[in-house]
Amino acid sequence: MPLLDIGNVKQRHSWLLEQHDRIVTAALNDGGRAALDHIDKRPGFTPRTGRTQDATKARMMRTPGGKLMRISNRTKVARFMEHGTKPHPIEARRKPFLRFKYRGQWVSKKKVFHRGTRAYLFMRRGAITGYYDVGRTLRASMRSVAKQF
């Protein structure tokens, strides 16, 4: 009787790799849902229409080094809301003046100085929530698989 059955070890190893792949895929998908849920429920800003949160997508990507979860948003304002803006001048381009309401009065100006906007980091916070969710799921699932191995 051999001390080590190589055929059985190879079979169990293949099983372990299949389980690992299945668990990682499921954990990343669950983490993506957790990230989107966080972005939807706790964006850090008061949503006006909800379009920015609705346009946020999470997807699992395969890379040469493995798999990863990517959070993205293609709306025009998402980048400015995520990273904020520095103070900057705004000049009239299409019309001779900018026209806006200020303290109840209509004002016309050729140029105004915008004080900038703060960064809300809503996608980063969602990604962090998803990251911790993936970690919890992987630890629990891989423990149960390891017990069966």
Foldseek 3Di string as FASTA:
>chain_A
DDPDDVVVVVVLVVVLVVLLLVLLQVLQVVLQVQLLVCCQPPQQDDDDPSVQSVQWGWDWDQDPVGIDIDIDGDDPCNVCQAAKFAKDKDADDPDQWDWDADPNDIDTHRMDIGRITHHSNSSVVSNVSSVVSSVVSSVVSSVVSVVVD
